[in-house]
Protein backbone atom coordinates (compact mmCIF):
# COMPACT_ATOMS: atom_id res chain seq x y z
CA UNK A 1 58.42 -79.09 -66.62
CA UNK A 2 61.99 -78.05 -66.15
CA UNK A 3 63.70 -78.88 -62.93
CA UNK A 4 65.32 -76.50 -60.49
CA UNK A 5 68.53 -74.97 -61.82
CA UNK A 6 71.19 -77.59 -61.29
CA UNK A 7 73.58 -77.06 -58.43
CA UNK A 8 76.71 -76.34 -60.40
CA UNK A 9 78.65 -79.59 -60.19
CA UNK A 10 81.98 -77.92 -60.82
CA UNK A 11 81.18 -75.25 -58.25
CA UNK A 12 80.55 -77.86 -55.58
CA UNK A 13 83.75 -79.64 -56.51
CA UNK A 14 85.70 -76.40 -56.19
CA UNK A 15 84.08 -75.58 -52.84
CA UNK A 16 85.06 -78.94 -51.40
CA UNK A 17 88.63 -78.55 -52.74
CA UNK A 18 88.86 -75.22 -50.89
CA UNK A 19 87.44 -76.78 -47.72
CA UNK A 20 90.02 -79.56 -47.91
CA UNK A 21 92.77 -76.98 -48.16
CA UNK A 22 91.28 -75.15 -45.18
CA UNK A 23 90.91 -78.18 -42.88
CA UNK A 24 94.03 -80.02 -43.96
CA UNK A 25 94.94 -83.69 -43.90
CA UNK A 26 91.96 -84.78 -41.78
CA UNK A 27 89.78 -84.27 -44.92
CA UNK A 28 92.06 -86.23 -47.25
CA UNK A 29 89.55 -89.09 -47.71
CA UNK A 30 86.74 -86.78 -48.85
CA UNK A 31 86.43 -86.85 -52.66
CA UNK A 32 85.05 -83.57 -54.08
CA UNK A 33 83.43 -85.42 -57.01
CA UNK A 34 81.54 -87.73 -54.65
CA UNK A 35 80.25 -84.77 -52.65
CA UNK A 36 79.12 -83.08 -55.86
CA UNK A 37 77.22 -86.22 -56.83
CA UNK A 38 75.43 -86.32 -53.47
CA UNK A 39 74.50 -82.65 -53.75
CA UNK A 40 73.18 -83.12 -57.29
CA UNK A 41 71.19 -86.20 -56.30
CA UNK A 42 69.52 -84.39 -53.38
CA UNK A 43 68.67 -80.92 -54.63
CA UNK A 44 65.65 -80.40 -52.34
CA UNK A 45 67.07 -79.90 -48.87
CA UNK A 46 63.80 -79.21 -47.02
CA UNK A 47 60.07 -79.54 -47.44
CA UNK A 48 59.87 -75.77 -47.77
CA UNK A 49 62.17 -75.97 -50.80
CA UNK A 50 59.69 -78.39 -52.32
CA UNK A 51 56.64 -76.29 -51.40
CA UNK A 52 58.10 -73.13 -52.99
CA UNK A 53 59.18 -74.99 -56.12
CA UNK A 54 55.90 -76.82 -56.66
CA UNK A 55 53.75 -73.77 -55.84
CA UNK A 56 55.44 -71.91 -58.69
CA UNK A 57 54.67 -74.84 -61.00
CA UNK A 58 50.98 -74.73 -60.08
CA UNK A 59 50.79 -70.97 -60.56
CA UNK A 60 52.33 -71.29 -64.02
CA UNK A 61 49.96 -74.12 -64.90
CA UNK A 62 46.95 -72.09 -63.72
CA UNK A 63 48.02 -69.17 -65.91
CA UNK A 64 48.49 -71.50 -68.89
CA UNK A 65 45.01 -72.96 -68.36
CA UNK A 66 43.48 -69.47 -68.34
CA UNK A 67 44.84 -69.00 -71.86
CA UNK A 68 44.09 -72.52 -73.14
CA UNK A 69 41.63 -74.82 -71.36
CA UNK A 70 43.15 -77.90 -73.02
CA UNK A 71 46.13 -77.43 -70.68
CA UNK A 72 44.37 -78.89 -67.66
CA UNK A 73 46.22 -80.86 -65.00
CA UNK A 74 45.67 -84.30 -63.42
CA UNK A 75 46.54 -86.36 -60.39
CA UNK A 76 45.93 -89.69 -58.69
CA UNK A 77 45.48 -90.12 -54.95
CA UNK A 78 48.32 -91.97 -53.19
CA UNK A 79 48.24 -93.40 -49.67
CA UNK A 80 51.92 -94.35 -49.35
CA UNK A 81 55.22 -92.88 -50.48
CA UNK A 82 56.06 -95.98 -52.50
CA UNK A 83 52.77 -95.75 -54.41
CA UNK A 84 53.49 -92.09 -55.23
CA UNK A 85 57.05 -92.94 -56.25
CA UNK A 86 56.01 -95.71 -58.62
CA UNK A 87 53.33 -93.49 -60.09
CA UNK A 88 55.81 -90.74 -60.96
CA UNK A 89 58.42 -93.19 -62.26
CA UNK A 90 55.71 -94.59 -64.53
CA UNK A 91 54.67 -91.08 -65.59
CA UNK A 92 58.22 -90.28 -66.68
CA UNK A 93 58.58 -93.63 -68.47
CA UNK A 94 55.29 -93.55 -70.38
CA UNK A 95 54.75 -89.81 -70.91
CA UNK A 96 58.39 -88.61 -70.96
CA UNK A 97 57.61 -85.64 -68.71
CA UNK A 98 55.95 -84.93 -65.37
CA UNK A 99 54.45 -81.70 -66.72
CA UNK A 100 50.90 -81.14 -65.46
CA UNK A 101 50.94 -84.41 -63.51
CA UNK A 102 50.40 -83.86 -59.78
CA UNK A 103 49.79 -85.95 -56.67
CA UNK A 104 46.72 -85.92 -54.46
CA UNK A 105 46.62 -86.69 -50.76
CA UNK A 106 43.16 -87.85 -49.74
CA UNK A 107 41.94 -87.43 -46.18
CA UNK A 108 39.64 -90.37 -46.87
CA UNK A 109 42.63 -92.65 -47.53
CA UNK A 110 44.55 -91.31 -44.54
CA UNK A 111 41.56 -92.21 -42.35
CA UNK A 112 41.03 -95.60 -43.98
CA UNK A 113 44.66 -96.69 -44.24
CA UNK A 114 47.04 -94.60 -42.14
CA UNK A 115 45.46 -94.14 -38.72
CA UNK A 116 46.84 -95.78 -35.59
CA UNK A 117 43.23 -96.37 -34.58
CA UNK A 118 42.90 -98.71 -37.55
CA UNK A 119 40.57 -98.23 -40.53
CA UNK A 120 38.24 -95.29 -39.98
CA UNK A 121 35.46 -93.59 -41.95
CA UNK A 122 36.12 -90.20 -43.51
CA UNK A 123 34.96 -88.17 -40.52
CA UNK A 124 38.16 -86.45 -39.29
CA UNK A 125 38.67 -88.98 -36.53
CA UNK A 126 42.23 -89.86 -37.56
CA UNK A 127 45.30 -88.22 -36.07
CA UNK A 128 45.94 -84.85 -37.69
CA UNK A 129 49.69 -85.56 -37.55
CA UNK A 130 49.15 -88.44 -40.00
CA UNK A 131 48.55 -85.92 -42.79
CA UNK A 132 51.89 -84.03 -42.72
CA UNK A 133 53.63 -87.34 -42.00
CA UNK A 134 52.28 -88.79 -45.25
CA UNK A 135 53.27 -85.67 -47.21
CA UNK A 136 56.83 -85.99 -45.92
CA UNK A 137 56.85 -89.72 -46.67
CA UNK A 138 55.71 -89.13 -50.24
CA UNK A 139 58.42 -86.57 -50.91
CA UNK A 140 61.06 -88.77 -49.27
CA UNK A 141 60.19 -91.49 -51.79
CA UNK A 142 60.14 -89.07 -54.73
CA UNK A 143 63.53 -87.64 -53.76
CA UNK A 144 64.86 -91.19 -53.54
CA UNK A 145 63.59 -91.82 -57.09
CA UNK A 146 65.64 -88.79 -58.17
CA UNK A 147 68.71 -90.07 -56.36
CA UNK A 148 68.46 -93.58 -57.84
CA UNK A 149 68.02 -92.37 -61.42
CA UNK A 150 70.79 -89.80 -61.14
CA UNK A 151 73.08 -92.31 -59.45
CA UNK A 152 72.61 -94.64 -62.42
CA UNK A 153 73.41 -91.79 -64.81
CA UNK A 154 76.59 -90.87 -62.95
CA UNK A 155 77.74 -94.50 -63.01
CA UNK A 156 77.10 -94.64 -66.75
CA UNK A 157 79.04 -91.38 -67.16
CA UNK A 158 81.98 -92.85 -65.25
CA UNK A 159 81.85 -95.85 -67.59
CA UNK A 160 82.30 -93.55 -70.59
CA UNK A 161 78.70 -93.21 -71.79
CA UNK A 162 77.51 -89.88 -73.23
CA UNK A 163 74.87 -89.04 -70.61
CA UNK A 164 76.04 -85.61 -69.45
CA UNK A 165 73.11 -83.95 -71.20
CA UNK A 166 70.67 -86.23 -69.36
CA UNK A 167 72.25 -85.25 -66.06
CA UNK A 168 72.23 -81.54 -66.87
CA UNK A 169 68.57 -81.63 -67.99
CA UNK A 170 67.31 -84.15 -65.46
CA UNK A 171 63.61 -83.78 -64.66
CA UNK A 172 62.73 -84.39 -61.05
CA UNK A 173 60.03 -86.78 -59.84
CA UNK A 174 59.01 -84.10 -57.33
CA UNK A 175 55.68 -82.59 -58.41
CA UNK A 176 52.93 -80.55 -56.71
CA UNK A 177 50.75 -82.25 -54.14
CA UNK A 178 47.22 -81.08 -53.35
CA UNK A 179 46.76 -82.04 -49.69
CA UNK A 180 43.42 -82.54 -47.96
CA UNK A 181 43.13 -80.85 -44.57
CA UNK A 182 39.46 -81.91 -44.23
CA UNK A 183 37.56 -79.14 -42.42
CA UNK A 184 40.68 -77.92 -40.63
CA UNK A 185 40.67 -80.25 -37.59
CA UNK A 186 39.36 -77.64 -35.17
CA UNK A 187 39.12 -73.86 -35.01
CA UNK A 188 41.08 -71.46 -37.19
CA UNK A 189 44.14 -71.62 -34.91
CA UNK A 190 44.18 -75.41 -35.18
CA UNK A 191 43.90 -75.05 -38.96
CA UNK A 192 46.82 -72.61 -39.01
CA UNK A 193 49.07 -74.89 -36.93
CA UNK A 194 48.31 -78.00 -38.98
CA UNK A 195 48.72 -76.08 -42.25
CA UNK A 196 52.23 -75.05 -41.19
CA UNK A 197 53.17 -78.67 -40.58
CA UNK A 198 51.79 -79.66 -43.99
CA UNK A 199 53.69 -76.87 -45.75
CA UNK A 200 56.90 -77.70 -43.90
CA UNK A 201 56.49 -81.28 -45.15
CA UNK A 202 56.27 -80.00 -48.74
CA UNK A 203 52.62 -79.25 -49.52
CA UNK A 204 52.11 -76.30 -51.87
CA UNK A 205 48.31 -76.59 -52.12
CA UNK A 206 45.90 -77.03 -49.20
CA UNK A 207 42.33 -78.17 -49.80
CA UNK A 208 39.80 -77.27 -47.09
CA UNK A 209 36.05 -77.85 -46.95
CA UNK A 210 33.21 -75.79 -45.46
CA UNK A 211 31.81 -78.44 -43.15
CA UNK A 212 31.69 -78.25 -39.37
CA UNK A 213 35.01 -79.70 -38.24
CA UNK A 214 33.72 -81.98 -35.48
CA UNK A 215 30.76 -83.16 -37.58
CA UNK A 216 32.68 -83.70 -40.82
CA UNK A 217 31.37 -86.35 -43.24
CA UNK A 218 32.73 -87.73 -46.49
CA UNK A 219 31.52 -85.56 -49.35
CA UNK A 220 29.67 -88.54 -50.84
CA UNK A 221 27.76 -89.39 -47.68
CA UNK A 222 24.67 -87.94 -46.05
CA UNK A 223 24.53 -85.85 -42.88
CA UNK A 224 26.84 -83.01 -43.95
CA UNK A 225 26.68 -79.81 -41.91
CA UNK A 226 28.14 -76.57 -43.31
CA UNK A 227 29.47 -73.50 -41.51
CA UNK A 228 28.62 -69.83 -42.11
CA UNK A 229 30.89 -68.01 -44.54
CA UNK A 230 32.54 -65.94 -41.81
CA UNK A 231 33.83 -69.10 -40.12
CA UNK A 232 35.16 -70.48 -43.39
CA UNK A 233 36.84 -67.19 -44.34
CA UNK A 234 38.69 -67.25 -41.01
CA UNK A 235 40.17 -70.64 -41.96
CA UNK A 236 41.09 -69.42 -45.44
CA UNK A 237 42.93 -66.57 -43.72
CA UNK A 238 44.66 -69.01 -41.37
CA UNK A 239 46.00 -70.99 -44.32
CA UNK A 240 47.20 -67.89 -46.16
CA UNK A 241 48.97 -66.60 -43.06
CA UNK A 242 50.72 -69.98 -42.68
CA UNK A 243 51.94 -69.87 -46.28
CA UNK A 244 53.22 -66.31 -45.92
CA UNK A 245 54.89 -66.92 -42.55
CA UNK A 246 56.87 -69.79 -44.07
CA UNK A 247 57.84 -67.83 -47.17
CA UNK A 248 55.68 -69.79 -49.63
CA UNK A 249 54.25 -66.74 -51.33
CA UNK A 250 52.69 -68.68 -54.22
CA UNK A 251 50.88 -71.18 -51.96
CA UNK A 252 47.54 -72.42 -53.29
CA UNK A 253 44.26 -72.60 -51.36
CA UNK A 254 41.57 -74.93 -52.70
CA UNK A 255 38.19 -74.04 -51.19
CA UNK A 256 35.75 -76.94 -51.24
CA UNK A 257 32.00 -76.52 -50.82
CA UNK A 258 29.81 -79.42 -49.75
CA UNK A 259 26.63 -77.36 -49.99
CA UNK A 260 25.28 -79.26 -53.01
CA UNK A 261 24.62 -82.27 -50.80
CA UNK A 262 24.47 -80.61 -47.37
CA UNK A 263 21.07 -79.70 -45.93
CA UNK A 264 22.03 -78.61 -42.41
CA UNK A 265 23.82 -75.89 -40.50
CA UNK A 266 24.91 -75.87 -36.88
CA UNK A 267 25.25 -72.17 -36.42
CA UNK A 268 23.25 -69.04 -37.26
CA UNK A 269 25.56 -66.12 -38.11
CA UNK A 270 24.87 -62.59 -36.89
CA UNK A 271 23.73 -60.18 -39.59
CA UNK A 272 24.91 -56.62 -39.01
CA UNK A 273 23.60 -54.99 -42.17
CA UNK A 274 20.63 -56.10 -44.23
CA UNK A 275 21.84 -58.10 -47.23
CA UNK A 276 25.30 -58.87 -45.83
CA UNK A 277 26.83 -62.32 -46.17
CA UNK A 278 25.30 -63.50 -42.89
CA UNK A 279 21.88 -62.30 -44.05
CA UNK A 280 22.28 -64.17 -47.33
CA UNK A 281 23.18 -67.35 -45.43
CA UNK A 282 20.17 -67.00 -43.13
CA UNK A 283 17.90 -66.49 -46.13
CA UNK A 284 18.55 -70.11 -47.14
CA UNK A 285 17.05 -71.48 -43.89
CA UNK A 286 13.80 -73.38 -43.93
CA UNK A 287 11.46 -71.29 -41.78
CA UNK A 288 7.80 -71.07 -40.80
CA UNK A 289 5.98 -67.81 -40.27
CA UNK A 290 4.45 -67.46 -36.81
CA UNK A 291 2.85 -64.87 -34.58
CA UNK A 292 4.51 -63.92 -31.33
CA UNK A 293 1.81 -65.72 -29.38
CA UNK A 294 2.69 -68.96 -31.20
CA UNK A 295 6.31 -68.83 -30.09
CA UNK A 296 7.33 -71.40 -27.51
CA UNK A 297 9.66 -70.83 -24.61
CA UNK A 298 13.28 -70.85 -25.79
CA UNK A 299 12.33 -70.68 -29.47
CA UNK A 300 14.83 -69.07 -31.84
CA UNK A 301 13.04 -66.48 -33.99
CA UNK A 302 14.11 -64.25 -36.88
CA UNK A 303 12.54 -61.09 -38.21
CA UNK A 304 12.21 -61.16 -41.99
CA UNK A 305 10.47 -58.46 -44.05
CA UNK A 306 8.54 -57.27 -41.01
CA UNK A 307 7.38 -60.76 -40.02
CA UNK A 308 8.50 -63.25 -37.43
CA UNK A 309 9.75 -66.59 -38.70
CA UNK A 310 10.96 -69.65 -36.82
CA UNK A 311 13.84 -71.66 -38.34
CA UNK A 312 13.13 -75.37 -38.54
CA UNK A 313 15.35 -77.02 -35.96
CA UNK A 314 15.96 -80.74 -35.53
CA UNK A 315 16.04 -82.60 -32.23
CA UNK A 316 19.86 -82.44 -32.28
CA UNK A 317 19.79 -78.64 -32.52
CA UNK A 318 20.80 -78.42 -36.18
CA UNK A 319 18.92 -76.11 -38.54
CA UNK A 320 17.58 -77.14 -41.95
CA UNK A 321 18.13 -75.35 -45.24
CA UNK A 322 15.28 -74.90 -47.70
CA UNK A 323 14.92 -77.68 -50.24
CA UNK A 324 16.18 -76.64 -53.64
CA UNK A 325 18.55 -74.02 -52.22
CA UNK A 326 21.67 -76.15 -52.63
CA UNK A 327 22.89 -74.83 -56.00
CA UNK A 328 22.39 -71.19 -54.93
CA UNK A 329 24.37 -71.95 -51.79
CA UNK A 330 27.16 -73.55 -53.83
CA UNK A 331 27.45 -70.46 -56.02
CA UNK A 332 27.50 -68.10 -53.03
CA UNK A 333 30.07 -70.28 -51.26
CA UNK A 334 32.37 -70.28 -54.29
CA UNK A 335 32.11 -66.57 -55.06
CA UNK A 336 32.67 -65.68 -51.41
CA UNK A 337 35.70 -67.98 -51.12
CA UNK A 338 37.33 -66.57 -54.26
CA UNK A 339 36.69 -63.04 -53.05
CA UNK A 340 38.35 -63.89 -49.73
CA UNK A 341 41.64 -65.51 -50.67
CA UNK A 342 40.91 -68.89 -52.24
CA UNK A 343 42.68 -69.69 -55.52
CA UNK A 344 40.78 -72.74 -56.72
CA UNK A 345 37.36 -74.24 -56.05
CA UNK A 346 36.19 -77.76 -55.37
CA UNK A 347 32.49 -78.55 -55.77
CA UNK A 348 31.30 -81.95 -54.60
CA UNK A 349 28.60 -83.18 -56.97
CA UNK A 350 26.25 -86.21 -56.85
CA UNK A 351 27.17 -87.41 -60.35
CA UNK A 352 29.86 -86.64 -62.96
CA UNK A 353 27.79 -84.53 -65.35
CA UNK A 354 29.55 -81.82 -67.38
CA UNK A 355 26.36 -79.81 -67.99
CA UNK A 356 25.50 -79.72 -64.29
CA UNK A 357 29.01 -78.66 -63.30
CA UNK A 358 29.10 -76.03 -66.04
CA UNK A 359 25.74 -74.63 -64.90
CA UNK A 360 27.21 -73.81 -61.48
CA UNK A 361 30.59 -72.65 -62.74
CA UNK A 362 29.14 -70.29 -65.32
CA UNK A 363 27.13 -68.58 -62.59
CA UNK A 364 30.30 -68.24 -60.51
CA UNK A 365 32.22 -66.82 -63.48
CA UNK A 366 29.73 -63.97 -63.77
CA UNK A 367 31.21 -62.70 -60.50
CA UNK A 368 34.76 -64.06 -60.80
CA UNK A 369 35.66 -64.59 -64.50
CA UNK A 370 38.76 -66.73 -63.95
CA UNK A 371 37.14 -69.15 -61.50
CA UNK A 372 38.70 -72.59 -61.80
CA UNK A 373 37.86 -75.96 -60.32
CA UNK A 374 39.63 -78.93 -58.87
CA UNK A 375 37.22 -81.77 -59.63
CA UNK A 376 36.96 -85.13 -57.92
CA UNK A 377 36.56 -87.90 -60.51
CA UNK A 378 35.38 -90.00 -57.61
CA UNK A 379 35.20 -93.81 -57.37
CA UNK A 380 32.05 -93.13 -55.34
CA UNK A 381 30.34 -92.50 -58.68
CA UNK A 382 29.15 -95.49 -60.68
CA UNK A 383 30.74 -94.14 -63.86
CA UNK A 384 29.41 -96.89 -66.12
CA UNK A 385 25.81 -96.51 -64.98
CA UNK A 386 25.90 -92.70 -64.90
CA UNK A 387 27.20 -92.39 -68.43
CA UNK A 388 24.97 -95.12 -69.81
CA UNK A 389 22.03 -93.21 -68.35
CA UNK A 390 23.31 -90.02 -69.98
CA UNK A 391 23.78 -91.81 -73.29
CA UNK A 392 20.29 -93.30 -73.03
CA UNK A 393 18.76 -89.83 -72.59
CA UNK A 394 20.85 -88.50 -75.46
CA UNK A 395 19.81 -91.29 -77.82
CA UNK A 396 16.18 -90.97 -76.76
CA UNK A 397 16.21 -87.25 -77.51
CA UNK A 398 17.60 -88.02 -80.96
CA UNK A 399 14.62 -90.23 -81.71
CA UNK A 400 16.47 -93.55 -81.43
CA UNK A 401 14.42 -96.70 -80.82
CA UNK A 402 15.43 -97.68 -77.27
CA UNK A 403 13.20 -100.73 -76.82
CA UNK A 404 16.27 -103.01 -76.95
CA UNK A 405 17.48 -101.57 -73.65
CA UNK A 406 16.14 -102.22 -70.16
CA UNK A 407 16.44 -98.80 -68.50
CA UNK A 408 16.50 -100.45 -65.09
CA UNK A 409 19.40 -102.75 -65.95
CA UNK A 410 21.86 -100.73 -68.04
CA UNK A 411 24.84 -102.22 -66.20
CA UNK A 412 24.11 -105.57 -67.84
CA UNK A 413 27.21 -106.94 -69.61
CA UNK A 414 24.94 -107.77 -72.53
CA UNK A 415 25.10 -104.08 -73.48
CA UNK A 416 28.91 -103.92 -73.48
CA UNK A 417 29.13 -104.07 -77.28
CA UNK A 418 26.09 -101.90 -77.95
CA UNK A 419 25.82 -98.39 -79.40
CA UNK A 420 24.74 -97.24 -75.93
CA UNK A 421 27.96 -98.59 -74.40
CA UNK A 422 30.08 -97.08 -77.17
CA UNK A 423 28.60 -93.63 -76.62
CA UNK A 424 28.85 -93.87 -72.85
CA UNK A 425 32.47 -95.03 -72.89
CA UNK A 426 33.43 -92.34 -75.40
CA UNK A 427 31.93 -89.70 -73.09
CA UNK A 428 33.82 -91.16 -70.13
CA UNK A 429 37.00 -91.03 -72.20
CA UNK A 430 36.51 -87.34 -73.07
CA UNK A 431 34.99 -86.32 -69.72
CA UNK A 432 38.11 -84.60 -68.41
CA UNK A 433 38.79 -82.64 -71.60
CA UNK A 434 35.08 -81.75 -71.91
CA UNK A 435 34.88 -80.55 -68.31
CA UNK A 436 38.10 -78.57 -68.67
CA UNK A 437 36.74 -76.85 -71.76
CA UNK A 438 33.11 -76.34 -70.76
CA UNK A 439 33.04 -76.33 -66.95
CA UNK A 440 36.21 -74.58 -65.83
CA UNK A 441 37.92 -77.68 -64.45
CA UNK A 442 41.63 -76.90 -64.17
CA UNK A 443 42.58 -80.02 -62.25
CA UNK A 444 41.12 -83.52 -62.49
CA UNK A 445 41.91 -86.04 -59.79
CA UNK A 446 40.81 -89.48 -58.67
CA UNK A 447 40.77 -89.53 -54.89
CA UNK A 448 41.01 -93.26 -54.19
CA UNK A 449 42.42 -95.05 -57.24
CA UNK A 450 45.28 -96.81 -55.48
CA UNK A 451 42.94 -98.00 -52.72
CA UNK A 452 40.87 -99.79 -55.35
CA UNK A 453 43.77 -101.03 -57.49
CA UNK A 454 45.42 -102.59 -54.44
CA UNK A 455 42.21 -104.41 -53.57
CA UNK A 456 41.65 -105.52 -57.17
CA UNK A 457 45.19 -106.82 -57.66
CA UNK A 458 45.16 -108.68 -54.34
CA UNK A 459 41.83 -110.24 -55.30
CA UNK A 460 43.27 -111.51 -58.59
CA UNK A 461 46.56 -112.75 -57.13
CA UNK A 462 44.86 -114.45 -54.18
CA UNK A 463 42.40 -116.24 -56.42
CA UNK A 464 45.20 -117.84 -58.42
CA UNK A 465 47.92 -118.34 -55.82
CA UNK A 466 45.76 -120.30 -53.40
CA UNK A 467 44.43 -122.51 -56.20
CA UNK A 468 46.09 -125.15 -58.35
CA UNK A 469 47.95 -122.36 -60.18
CA UNK A 470 50.13 -121.80 -57.14
CA UNK A 471 53.33 -119.90 -57.90
CA UNK A 472 52.39 -119.55 -61.57
CA UNK A 473 49.71 -117.05 -60.56
CA UNK A 474 52.40 -114.74 -59.18
CA UNK A 475 54.93 -115.34 -61.94
CA UNK A 476 52.47 -114.97 -64.80
CA UNK A 477 50.35 -112.22 -63.34
CA UNK A 478 53.00 -110.15 -61.57
CA UNK A 479 56.70 -110.80 -62.15
CA UNK A 480 56.56 -111.65 -65.84
CA UNK A 481 54.47 -108.52 -66.41
CA UNK A 482 56.92 -106.39 -64.40
CA UNK A 483 59.82 -107.65 -66.52
CA UNK A 484 58.06 -107.21 -69.84
CA UNK A 485 56.66 -103.78 -69.01
CA UNK A 486 59.86 -102.49 -67.45
CA UNK A 487 58.34 -101.81 -64.04
CA UNK A 488 61.11 -100.34 -61.90
CA UNK A 489 60.48 -102.34 -58.75
CA UNK A 490 61.04 -105.74 -60.39
CA UNK A 491 64.54 -105.18 -59.01
CA UNK A 492 63.16 -104.36 -55.59
CA UNK A 493 66.55 -104.26 -53.84
CA UNK A 494 67.67 -101.47 -56.18
CA UNK A 495 64.38 -99.61 -55.72
CA UNK A 496 64.79 -99.75 -51.95
CA UNK A 497 68.19 -98.06 -52.28
CA UNK A 498 70.63 -100.99 -52.21
CA UNK A 499 72.66 -99.90 -55.25
CA UNK A 500 72.83 -96.29 -54.13
CA UNK A 501 73.86 -97.48 -50.69
CA UNK A 502 76.72 -99.49 -52.21
CA UNK A 503 78.01 -96.37 -53.94
CA UNK A 504 77.75 -94.37 -50.74
CA UNK A 505 79.70 -97.05 -48.88
CA UNK A 506 82.40 -96.72 -51.52
CA UNK A 507 82.48 -92.94 -50.94
CA UNK A 508 82.80 -93.47 -47.20
CA UNK A 509 84.98 -96.61 -46.90
CA UNK A 510 86.70 -96.98 -50.26
CA UNK A 511 87.98 -100.48 -51.05
CA UNK A 512 86.92 -101.73 -47.61
CA UNK A 513 83.24 -101.22 -48.41
CA UNK A 514 81.11 -104.33 -47.87
CA UNK A 515 78.65 -104.11 -50.76
CA UNK A 516 75.41 -105.97 -51.43
CA UNK A 517 75.57 -105.90 -55.22
CA UNK A 518 78.14 -108.63 -55.77
CA UNK A 519 77.92 -111.72 -57.94
CA UNK A 520 75.80 -113.59 -55.39
CA UNK A 521 73.05 -110.97 -55.44
CA UNK A 522 70.01 -112.71 -56.95
CA UNK A 523 68.86 -109.43 -58.49
CA UNK A 524 71.52 -110.04 -61.13
CA UNK A 525 69.07 -112.52 -62.66
CA UNK A 526 67.14 -109.50 -63.95
CA UNK A 527 70.12 -107.89 -65.68
CA UNK A 528 69.67 -107.58 -69.42
CA UNK A 529 65.91 -108.20 -69.39
CA UNK A 530 65.07 -104.57 -70.09
CA UNK A 531 66.42 -104.57 -73.65
CA UNK A 532 63.48 -106.69 -74.74
CA UNK A 533 60.89 -104.70 -72.81
CA UNK A 534 59.51 -102.76 -75.75
CA UNK A 535 59.07 -105.81 -77.96
CA UNK A 536 57.67 -107.96 -75.18
CA UNK A 537 55.37 -105.18 -73.94
CA UNK A 538 53.97 -104.90 -77.46
CA UNK A 539 53.50 -108.65 -77.66
CA UNK A 540 51.89 -108.65 -74.21
CA UNK A 541 49.42 -105.93 -75.22
CA UNK A 542 48.49 -107.87 -78.34
CA UNK A 543 47.97 -111.03 -76.29
C-alpha cells in the first residue's frame, strides 16, 4: 500500500524561504529544512484527510477481492491508541507492508474498557462520545509512529546514511479502521450526528447493526430484538448523508444483521402493498389463526390470505418470529441492505462454520452477485471445540473408527497430538482463506483479541512476579523478549516521543535546548541491542 504522495520537501523549503523574505528578520530563527521535516512527518492534517485516504484504500481492496478472493483483508480489534500503534509497527516489521491490514474498533471493548461508568456489558450503555474519541486516539498514536520513524530516518540522513529512498517511499502506519456504531445510539438523526463525529475523527467505514437501539445486546448473547427494514434503511441513509456532507465520497457502510440469533421484534411495520418489504417482514411473525369472536380487547390482529391471525406477543410487548425463520430473515436483511446503500455485510453466526456461512451468502449472491462479508472471528466461539466437532463429523463420514474419542470431552488435552486435533487445527489455520474463497468473506477480524491478550499476559506476569521468581519473571518473560524480538517499546521513552521532542526543542531553541537524551538517560543501555535481534529471535523461537 503506497502512502499519500509526499509533500515535496524542496517545495516546503522554498515556501518557507519566501515567507522569511516576506516577514523579514523576525523569522530569522526559523529553519526551512526543519519546517519541511515537520510537514513530512505529519502528512495527515485532519481526521477527514485520514478518512478520505483510507476509504480509497478499502475501495481498491474490495475491487481486488472481487477479481481474486485470495486478496482478502484482516484486522484486530484495539481498545487503546497504543495497542493499535504497536500492532501496526509490528505489522510493518514482520510483514514489510501494511497492505490489507486494517484496524477494528469494537463497541464491546469501548463498553468494557473505555466508559466513564466503568466496565459495562455490550448493550449501548456507554457514552457515545467514547467511540469517536477512541478513533481519534488511535490515529494520534499511528501518526506519532509515522513521526518517530521518519524522524529517525532524517537523523540518519543528516549523519550521511543513504536513506533518502526510504524517506521518499515511506509507508504510513495509518490504515483503514472499521468502527462499530452499535445500533446507532438512537434514531436516525442521532446516528447521523454520531457518524459525523466518527468520520471527522478518521473513520472511513461505519458498521451498524439492525437491532433496536435501546434494547441492543451483544451479538453473541440472547434477547436480541431487530427492527423492520424501513427503520434500518433510514439509518443507512443517515450514514451515507454524513459521509457525503463531509466529502468522504468513498465512505464504507457495513450493514450487520443479528437475525440469525434474534427471535423478537419490537415493532410491526405498515404494509402498503401486498408483498412489499413490510409484508415480507410481517410474514416471519409467529401467529395463531383466530375467529373475530376469539379476539380479546386490545388484541393486535392481522389479515393474512383472507383469515385473521394474532401475532404471538410476550408480556413485555415484544413479538416473536417463527422458529426456523432466522436464515430467511438474514438473507432478506442482507439483500435489502445492499439494495439500499450498504457496501459490505456482517452476519453474526453461532459458530465459525464455512459451509453454514456460504449457504447464506450464496443465497444473497443470487440477488446481489458481488455481495461481500466482514466476518467476526469471535473469541466468543470455542474455536478448539467447534473445529474438533467438525473434524469428528468429517472423520466419521469417512468411515474412520472413532471409538478412541469421547465425543463429550473433545477439549481434553489428551487429544492434542491426535489425528482429530491435527485436522481441526489445520482447518482453523485455513479458515480465513477458506471462508474468503467459498463464503464471500472480504474482511476477517477478531473483535476482542487485545482484551484477551492483556488478561493472559497479566496472568502470566503476576504468577511469576509475586512468587519466588520476583523480578526475574518480568526480565525473562517481558524485557528480555522485547530486546530479542526487537519490540519497539523496549525503549519506552523514545516510543512516547522523547527523542522527537528533543529534536523539536533543537528546532525551537537551538543550542539552548534542554534535552532528555543525554548520556545520563538510562535508555542508552538499550543502544546496540537491536543488531543481534534476528539471531537472538531465532534462538528464542528454537528454545
